[in-house]
Amino acid sequence: HDERKQNVAANLPVRSAVQSGSASTTSPDPHSGGVGKAIFFGTAPDLTWKSTLPWLAKHTTLPIVLKGLQTHEDAYLASLHTPQVQAIILSNHGGRAMDTAPPAVHTLLEIRKYCPEVFDRLEVWVDGGVKRGTDVVKALCLGAKAVGVGRAALWELGAGGREGVERVLEILKAEIETAMRLLGVETVSELGPQHVNTRALDQEIYDGPAGLEKLRLWLQAKL
């Protein structure tokens, strides 16, 4: 049997990840909505900065941390609600809700460009896209106080259990320490924007008006 004589199709169309994910061989269920619907099901449409944050502060003594911010405007609004809000998490939720949502590092650079005072008012955390220790160091250099790691830990949890997760953290720790040595710093507090070249990425950052004055007026009392 000569396998070379068999026909081989070399011009099959290549489908994007979005197309592959949306394709289905079964009839759609009108009652299903995928991961996005499961995550946001039950979210009230009337949640607002003015009403929800004071209500939440009355029902807990824990620090309030807002997750999912994707613009410098929202980060600025959050900073106006301190001390109720202690920190924000820049995250695009893995791109699940909108596949063209900007990564967290874009929002981090937006904040540095338009409202750097946010970093003095509350802590800015970042999650998404962290694959190695140098990613952590870059985020810290740009003003983040903490970095979330989810996918790598989950993969290792499935592959190696608790020991796998511990190994991932050990690798990240070693990579962070190596990067800091190569930068010539001894402590995290010494890291700063001078250690990162963001010129190429700056071209992808929002370049319109900051619009912060309108936000301040919007939050003023109307009576």
C-alpha atoms as a PDB file:
ATOM      1  CA  HIS A   1       0.000   0.000   0.000  1.00  0.00           C
ATOM      2  CA  ASP A   2       1.520   3.294  -1.132  1.00  0.00           C
ATOM      3  CA  GLU A   3       0.211   6.225   0.941  1.00  0.00           C
ATOM      4  CA  ARG A   4       1.792   8.691  -1.500  1.00  0.00           C
ATOM      5  CA  LYS A   5      -0.916   7.872  -4.055  1.00  0.00           C
ATOM      6  CA  GLN A   6      -3.709   9.031  -1.795  1.00  0.00           C
ATOM      7  CA  ASN A   7      -5.216  12.437  -2.453  1.00  0.00           C
ATOM      8  CA  VAL A   8      -4.229  15.123   0.044  1.00  0.00           C
ATOM      9  CA  ALA A   9      -6.141  18.411   0.208  1.00  0.00           C
ATOM     10  CA  ALA A  10      -3.694  21.255   0.744  1.00  0.00           C
ATOM     11  CA  ASN A  11      -6.023  24.177   0.177  1.00  0.00           C
ATOM     12  CA  LEU A  12      -8.391  23.749   3.092  1.00  0.00           C
ATOM     13  CA  PRO A  13      -9.615  27.116   4.432  1.00  0.00           C
ATOM     14  CA  VAL A  14      -8.041  28.290   7.665  1.00  0.00           C
ATOM     15  CA  ARG A  15     -10.643  29.515  10.147  1.00  0.00           C
ATOM     16  CA  SER A  16     -10.009  32.019  12.872  1.00  0.00           C
ATOM     17  CA  ALA A  17     -10.424  31.113  16.524  1.00  0.00           C
ATOM     18  CA  VAL A  18     -13.559  33.256  16.673  1.00  0.00           C
ATOM     19  CA  GLN A  19     -15.126  31.429  13.721  1.00  0.00           C
ATOM     20  CA  SER A  20     -14.205  28.038  15.143  1.00  0.00           C
ATOM     21  CA  GLY A  21     -15.632  28.940  18.524  1.00  0.00           C
ATOM     22  CA  SER A  22     -18.900  30.174  17.070  1.00  0.00           C
ATOM     23  CA  ALA A  23     -19.387  27.153  14.798  1.00  0.00           C
ATOM     24  CA  SER A  24     -21.750  24.505  16.077  1.00  0.00           C
ATOM     25  CA  THR A  25     -22.800  21.108  14.791  1.00  0.00           C
ATOM     26  CA  THR A  26     -25.913  21.010  16.954  1.00  0.00           C
ATOM     27  CA  SER A  27     -29.090  23.024  16.916  1.00  0.00           C
ATOM     28  CA  PRO A  28     -28.788  26.153  19.072  1.00  0.00           C
ATOM     29  CA  ASP A  29     -30.584  26.107  22.398  1.00  0.00           C
ATOM     30  CA  PRO A  30     -32.690  29.285  22.737  1.00  0.00           C
ATOM     31  CA  HIS A  31     -32.238  29.125  26.510  1.00  0.00           C
ATOM     32  CA  SER A  32     -28.429  28.982  26.429  1.00  0.00           C
ATOM     33  CA  GLY A  33     -26.085  31.922  26.130  1.00  0.00           C
ATOM     34  CA  GLY A  34     -22.591  30.594  26.667  1.00  0.00           C
ATOM     35  CA  VAL A  35     -20.034  31.730  29.194  1.00  0.00           C
ATOM     36  CA  GLY A  36     -20.846  35.424  28.832  1.00  0.00           C
ATOM     37  CA  LYS A  37     -24.464  34.921  29.789  1.00  0.00           C
ATOM     38  CA  ALA A  38     -23.520  32.746  32.736  1.00  0.00           C
ATOM     39  CA  ILE A  39     -21.095  35.347  34.069  1.00  0.00           C
ATOM     40  CA  PHE A  40     -23.346  38.373  33.716  1.00  0.00           C
ATOM     41  CA  PHE A  41     -26.698  36.714  34.443  1.00  0.00           C
ATOM     42  CA  GLY A  42     -28.438  38.519  37.269  1.00  0.00           C
ATOM     43  CA  THR A  43     -26.445  41.748  36.909  1.00  0.00           C
ATOM     44  CA  ALA A  44     -28.887  44.573  37.519  1.00  0.00           C
ATOM     45  CA  PRO A  45     -29.002  47.156  34.707  1.00  0.00           C
ATOM     46  CA  ASP A  46     -29.501  49.975  37.220  1.00  0.00           C
ATOM     47  CA  LEU A  47     -26.094  49.638  38.911  1.00  0.00           C
ATOM     48  CA  THR A  48     -24.529  53.110  39.143  1.00  0.00           C
ATOM     49  CA  TRP A  49     -21.539  54.779  40.742  1.00  0.00           C
ATOM     50  CA  LYS A  50     -23.753  57.016  42.875  1.00  0.00           C
ATOM     51  CA  SER A  51     -26.151  54.426  44.245  1.00  0.00           C
ATOM     52  CA  THR A  52     -24.362  51.080  44.229  1.00  0.00           C
ATOM     53  CA  LEU A  53     -21.077  51.973  45.937  1.00  0.00           C
ATOM     54  CA  PRO A  54     -22.677  53.670  48.980  1.00  0.00           C
ATOM     55  CA  TRP A  55     -25.099  50.725  49.278  1.00  0.00           C
ATOM     56  CA  LEU A  56     -22.232  48.244  49.132  1.00  0.00           C
ATOM     57  CA  ALA A  57     -20.237  50.188  51.726  1.00  0.00           C
ATOM     58  CA  LYS A  58     -23.174  49.910  54.147  1.00  0.00           C
ATOM     59  CA  HIS A  59     -23.245  46.129  53.849  1.00  0.00           C
ATOM     60  CA  THR A  60     -19.568  45.300  54.347  1.00  0.00           C
ATOM     61  CA  THR A  61     -16.535  46.446  56.280  1.00  0.00           C
ATOM     62  CA  LEU A  62     -14.200  44.766  53.805  1.00  0.00           C
ATOM     63  CA  PRO A  63     -12.195  46.829  51.300  1.00  0.00           C
ATOM     64  CA  ILE A  64     -14.095  47.391  48.049  1.00  0.00           C
ATOM     65  CA  VAL A  65     -12.175  46.419  44.908  1.00  0.00           C
ATOM     66  CA  LEU A  66     -13.705  47.075  41.481  1.00  0.00           C
ATOM     67  CA  LYS A  67     -12.805  44.645  38.699  1.00  0.00           C
ATOM     68  CA  GLY A  68     -13.109  44.896  34.938  1.00  0.00           C
ATOM     69  CA  LEU A  69     -12.219  48.540  34.310  1.00  0.00           C
ATOM     70  CA  GLN A  70     -11.041  49.119  30.737  1.00  0.00           C
ATOM     71  CA  THR A  71     -10.758  52.888  30.326  1.00  0.00           C
ATOM     72  CA  HIS A  72      -8.917  55.704  32.056  1.00  0.00           C
ATOM     73  CA  GLU A  73     -12.285  57.412  32.602  1.00  0.00           C
ATOM     74  CA  ASP A  74     -13.580  54.563  34.757  1.00  0.00           C
ATOM     75  CA  ALA A  75     -10.304  54.433  36.667  1.00  0.00           C
ATOM     76  CA  TYR A  76     -10.619  58.160  37.332  1.00  0.00           C
ATOM     77  CA  LEU A  77     -14.227  57.773  38.485  1.00  0.00           C
ATOM     78  CA  ALA A  78     -13.176  55.019  40.866  1.00  0.00           C
ATOM     79  CA  SER A  79     -10.485  57.275  42.312  1.00  0.00           C
ATOM     80  CA  LEU A  80     -13.154  59.867  43.123  1.00  0.00           C
ATOM     81  CA  HIS A  81     -14.917  57.295  45.312  1.00  0.00           C
ATOM     82  CA  THR A  82     -12.119  56.706  47.768  1.00  0.00           C
ATOM     83  CA  PRO A  83     -12.010  55.725  50.587  1.00  0.00           C
ATOM     84  CA  GLN A  84     -15.021  53.540  49.704  1.00  0.00           C
ATOM     85  CA  VAL A  85     -13.029  52.060  46.821  1.00  0.00           C
ATOM     86  CA  GLN A  86      -9.571  50.881  47.850  1.00  0.00           C
ATOM     87  CA  ALA A  87      -8.378  49.321  44.596  1.00  0.00           C
ATOM     88  CA  ILE A  88      -9.302  48.591  40.990  1.00  0.00           C
ATOM     89  CA  ILE A  89      -8.489  45.604  38.786  1.00  0.00           C
ATOM     90  CA  LEU A  90      -7.820  46.290  35.119  1.00  0.00           C
ATOM     91  CA  SER A  91      -9.131  43.258  33.240  1.00  0.00           C
ATOM     92  CA  ASN A  92     -10.830  42.399  29.967  1.00  0.00           C
ATOM     93  CA  HIS A  93     -12.130  39.094  31.399  1.00  0.00           C
ATOM     94  CA  GLY A  94     -10.080  37.065  28.949  1.00  0.00           C
ATOM     95  CA  GLY A  95     -11.798  38.732  25.999  1.00  0.00           C
ATOM     96  CA  ARG A  96     -14.859  36.537  26.534  1.00  0.00           C
ATOM     97  CA  ALA A  97     -17.476  39.289  26.544  1.00  0.00           C
ATOM     98  CA  MET A  98     -15.948  41.206  23.606  1.00  0.00           C
ATOM     99  CA  ASP A  99     -13.160  39.633  21.590  1.00  0.00           C
ATOM    100  CA  THR A 100     -11.779  43.051  20.600  1.00  0.00           C
ATOM    101  CA  ALA A 101     -11.591  44.420  24.144  1.00  0.00           C
ATOM    102  CA  PRO A 102      -8.225  46.061  24.930  1.00  0.00           C
ATOM    103  CA  PRO A 103      -5.752  44.193  27.125  1.00  0.00           C
ATOM    104  CA  ALA A 104      -5.182  45.465  30.638  1.00  0.00           C
ATOM    105  CA  VAL A 105      -1.746  46.867  29.828  1.00  0.00           C
ATOM    106  CA  HIS A 106      -3.380  49.280  27.355  1.00  0.00           C
ATOM    107  CA  THR A 107      -5.632  50.615  30.099  1.00  0.00           C
ATOM    108  CA  LEU A 108      -2.644  50.864  32.425  1.00  0.00           C
ATOM    109  CA  LEU A 109      -0.847  53.076  29.900  1.00  0.00           C
ATOM    110  CA  GLU A 110      -4.021  55.124  29.370  1.00  0.00           C
ATOM    111  CA  ILE A 111      -4.145  55.907  33.079  1.00  0.00           C
ATOM    112  CA  ARG A 112      -0.489  56.925  33.082  1.00  0.00           C
ATOM    113  CA  LYS A 113      -1.146  59.217  30.119  1.00  0.00           C
ATOM    114  CA  TYR A 114      -4.397  60.918  31.120  1.00  0.00           C
ATOM    115  CA  CYS A 115      -4.803  60.672  34.902  1.00  0.00           C
ATOM    116  CA  PRO A 116      -1.611  59.512  36.672  1.00  0.00           C
ATOM    117  CA  GLU A 117      -2.988  60.852  39.964  1.00  0.00           C
ATOM    118  CA  VAL A 118      -5.133  57.708  40.123  1.00  0.00           C
ATOM    119  CA  PHE A 119      -2.060  55.750  41.238  1.00  0.00           C
ATOM    120  CA  ASP A 120      -1.758  58.006  44.304  1.00  0.00           C
ATOM    121  CA  ARG A 121      -5.414  57.676  45.296  1.00  0.00           C
ATOM    122  CA  LEU A 122      -5.892  53.908  45.152  1.00  0.00           C
ATOM    123  CA  GLU A 123      -4.130  50.694  44.224  1.00  0.00           C
ATOM    124  CA  VAL A 124      -4.213  49.546  40.606  1.00  0.00           C
ATOM    125  CA  TRP A 125      -4.076  45.795  40.003  1.00  0.00           C
ATOM    126  CA  VAL A 126      -3.737  44.072  36.626  1.00  0.00           C
ATOM    127  CA  ASP A 127      -4.809  40.686  35.349  1.00  0.00           C
ATOM    128  CA  GLY A 128      -4.728  38.981  31.981  1.00  0.00           C
ATOM    129  CA  GLY A 129      -1.900  38.032  29.653  1.00  0.00           C
ATOM    130  CA  VAL A 130       0.661  37.301  32.373  1.00  0.00           C
ATOM    131  CA  LYS A 131       2.732  34.410  31.021  1.00  0.00           C
ATOM    132  CA  ARG A 132       6.166  34.973  32.560  1.00  0.00           C
ATOM    133  CA  GLY A 133       7.938  36.851  35.306  1.00  0.00           C
ATOM    134  CA  THR A 134       8.965  39.690  32.999  1.00  0.00           C
ATOM    135  CA  ASP A 135       5.267  40.414  32.375  1.00  0.00           C
ATOM    136  CA  VAL A 136       4.824  40.902  36.114  1.00  0.00           C
ATOM    137  CA  VAL A 137       7.828  43.225  36.299  1.00  0.00           C
ATOM    138  CA  LYS A 138       6.582  45.309  33.360  1.00  0.00           C
ATOM    139  CA  ALA A 139       3.195  45.801  35.024  1.00  0.00           C
ATOM    140  CA  LEU A 140       4.852  46.841  38.282  1.00  0.00           C
ATOM    141  CA  CYS A 141       7.084  49.282  36.393  1.00  0.00           C
ATOM    142  CA  LEU A 142       4.004  50.939  34.886  1.00  0.00           C
ATOM    143  CA  GLY A 143       2.334  51.488  38.250  1.00  0.00           C
ATOM    144  CA  ALA A 144       0.481  48.281  39.109  1.00  0.00           C
ATOM    145  CA  LYS A 145       0.562  47.236  42.770  1.00  0.00           C
ATOM    146  CA  ALA A 146      -0.433  43.624  42.131  1.00  0.00           C
ATOM    147  CA  VAL A 147      -0.739  41.213  39.215  1.00  0.00           C
ATOM    148  CA  GLY A 148      -3.232  38.367  38.863  1.00  0.00           C
ATOM    149  CA  VAL A 149      -2.252  35.028  37.349  1.00  0.00           C
ATOM    150  CA  GLY A 150      -5.101  32.679  36.463  1.00  0.00           C
ATOM    151  CA  ARG A 151      -4.606  30.577  33.359  1.00  0.00           C
ATOM    152  CA  ALA A 152      -1.105  29.321  34.152  1.00  0.00           C
ATOM    153  CA  ALA A 153      -2.168  28.297  37.646  1.00  0.00           C
ATOM    154  CA  LEU A 154      -5.292  26.527  36.373  1.00  0.00           C
ATOM    155  CA  TRP A 155      -3.354  24.621  33.719  1.00  0.00           C
ATOM    156  CA  GLU A 156      -0.864  23.398  36.276  1.00  0.00           C
ATOM    157  CA  LEU A 157      -3.637  22.566  38.717  1.00  0.00           C
ATOM    158  CA  GLY A 158      -5.080  20.232  36.099  1.00  0.00           C
ATOM    159  CA  ALA A 159      -1.713  18.802  35.115  1.00  0.00           C
ATOM    160  CA  GLY A 160       0.035  18.526  38.466  1.00  0.00           C
ATOM    161  CA  GLY A 161      -2.419  19.380  41.208  1.00  0.00           C
ATOM    162  CA  ARG A 162      -1.268  21.493  44.135  1.00  0.00           C
ATOM    163  CA  GLU A 163       2.391  20.747  43.458  1.00  0.00           C
ATOM    164  CA  GLY A 164       1.940  21.969  39.891  1.00  0.00           C
ATOM    165  CA  VAL A 165       0.549  25.317  41.058  1.00  0.00           C
ATOM    166  CA  GLU A 166       3.373  25.697  43.562  1.00  0.00           C
ATOM    167  CA  ARG A 167       5.874  24.999  40.786  1.00  0.00           C
ATOM    168  CA  VAL A 168       4.340  27.697  38.575  1.00  0.00           C
ATOM    169  CA  LEU A 169       4.674  30.243  41.365  1.00  0.00           C
ATOM    170  CA  GLU A 170       8.277  29.192  41.959  1.00  0.00           C
ATOM    171  CA  ILE A 171       9.079  29.708  38.269  1.00  0.00           C
ATOM    172  CA  LEU A 172       7.410  33.134  38.227  1.00  0.00           C
ATOM    173  CA  LYS A 173       9.258  34.151  41.386  1.00  0.00           C
ATOM    174  CA  ALA A 174      12.605  33.117  39.909  1.00  0.00           C
ATOM    175  CA  GLU A 175      11.899  34.972  36.652  1.00  0.00           C
ATOM    176  CA  ILE A 176      10.866  38.120  38.546  1.00  0.00           C
ATOM    177  CA  GLU A 177      14.037  38.046  40.631  1.00  0.00           C
ATOM    178  CA  THR A 178      16.195  37.533  37.522  1.00  0.00           C
ATOM    179  CA  ALA A 179      14.521  40.434  35.698  1.00  0.00           C
ATOM    180  CA  MET A 180      15.012  42.732  38.688  1.00  0.00           C
ATOM    181  CA  ARG A 181      18.689  41.829  38.921  1.00  0.00           C
ATOM    182  CA  LEU A 182      19.168  42.579  35.227  1.00  0.00           C
ATOM    183  CA  LEU A 183      17.441  45.949  35.735  1.00  0.00           C
ATOM    184  CA  GLY A 184      19.785  46.726  38.605  1.00  0.00           C
ATOM    185  CA  VAL A 185      17.129  47.120  41.315  1.00  0.00           C
ATOM    186  CA  GLU A 186      16.973  45.499  44.735  1.00  0.00           C
ATOM    187  CA  THR A 187      13.336  46.112  45.695  1.00  0.00           C
ATOM    188  CA  VAL A 188       9.992  46.357  43.903  1.00  0.00           C
ATOM    189  CA  SER A 189       9.635  49.967  45.062  1.00  0.00           C
ATOM    190  CA  GLU A 190      12.586  50.901  42.837  1.00  0.00           C
ATOM    191  CA  LEU A 191      10.797  49.775  39.667  1.00  0.00           C
ATOM    192  CA  GLY A 192       9.412  52.553  37.492  1.00  0.00           C
ATOM    193  CA  PRO A 193       8.436  53.547  33.936  1.00  0.00           C
ATOM    194  CA  GLN A 194      12.079  54.324  33.171  1.00  0.00           C
ATOM    195  CA  HIS A 195      12.694  50.574  33.059  1.00  0.00           C
ATOM    196  CA  VAL A 196      10.206  49.859  30.242  1.00  0.00           C
ATOM    197  CA  ASN A 197      10.268  50.931  26.591  1.00  0.00           C
ATOM    198  CA  THR A 198       6.603  51.421  25.634  1.00  0.00           C
ATOM    199  CA  ARG A 199       7.103  53.416  22.416  1.00  0.00           C
ATOM    200  CA  ALA A 200       5.683  50.733  20.108  1.00  0.00           C
ATOM    201  CA  LEU A 201       2.701  50.107  22.372  1.00  0.00           C
ATOM    202  CA  ASP A 202       1.976  53.812  22.857  1.00  0.00           C
ATOM    203  CA  GLN A 203       0.834  53.975  19.224  1.00  0.00           C
ATOM    204  CA  GLU A 204      -2.096  51.690  20.057  1.00  0.00           C
ATOM    205  CA  ILE A 205      -3.303  53.706  23.055  1.00  0.00           C
ATOM    206  CA  TYR A 206      -6.363  55.969  22.881  1.00  0.00           C
ATOM    207  CA  ASP A 207      -5.270  59.397  21.656  1.00  0.00           C
ATOM    208  CA  GLY A 208      -8.379  61.547  22.075  1.00  0.00           C
ATOM    209  CA  PRO A 209      -9.355  64.093  24.724  1.00  0.00           C
ATOM    210  CA  ALA A 210      -9.168  62.976  28.349  1.00  0.00           C
ATOM    211  CA  GLY A 211     -12.740  64.062  29.122  1.00  0.00           C
ATOM    212  CA  LEU A 212     -12.134  64.197  32.882  1.00  0.00           C
ATOM    213  CA  GLU A 213     -13.736  67.587  33.460  1.00  0.00           C
ATOM    214  CA  LYS A 214     -17.085  66.270  32.203  1.00  0.00           C
ATOM    215  CA  LEU A 215     -16.833  63.389  34.663  1.00  0.00           C
ATOM    216  CA  ARG A 216     -16.267  65.788  37.555  1.00  0.00           C
ATOM    217  CA  LEU A 217     -19.313  67.837  36.563  1.00  0.00           C
ATOM    218  CA  TRP A 218     -21.413  64.698  36.149  1.00  0.00           C
ATOM    219  CA  LEU A 219     -20.690  63.649  39.728  1.00  0.00           C
ATOM    220  CA  GLN A 220     -21.582  67.021  41.261  1.00  0.00           C
ATOM    221  CA  ALA A 221     -24.852  67.340  43.166  1.00  0.00           C
ATOM    222  CA  LYS A 222     -27.754  68.583  41.058  1.00  0.00           C
ATOM    223  CA  LEU A 223     -29.721  70.243  43.900  1.00  0.00           C
END
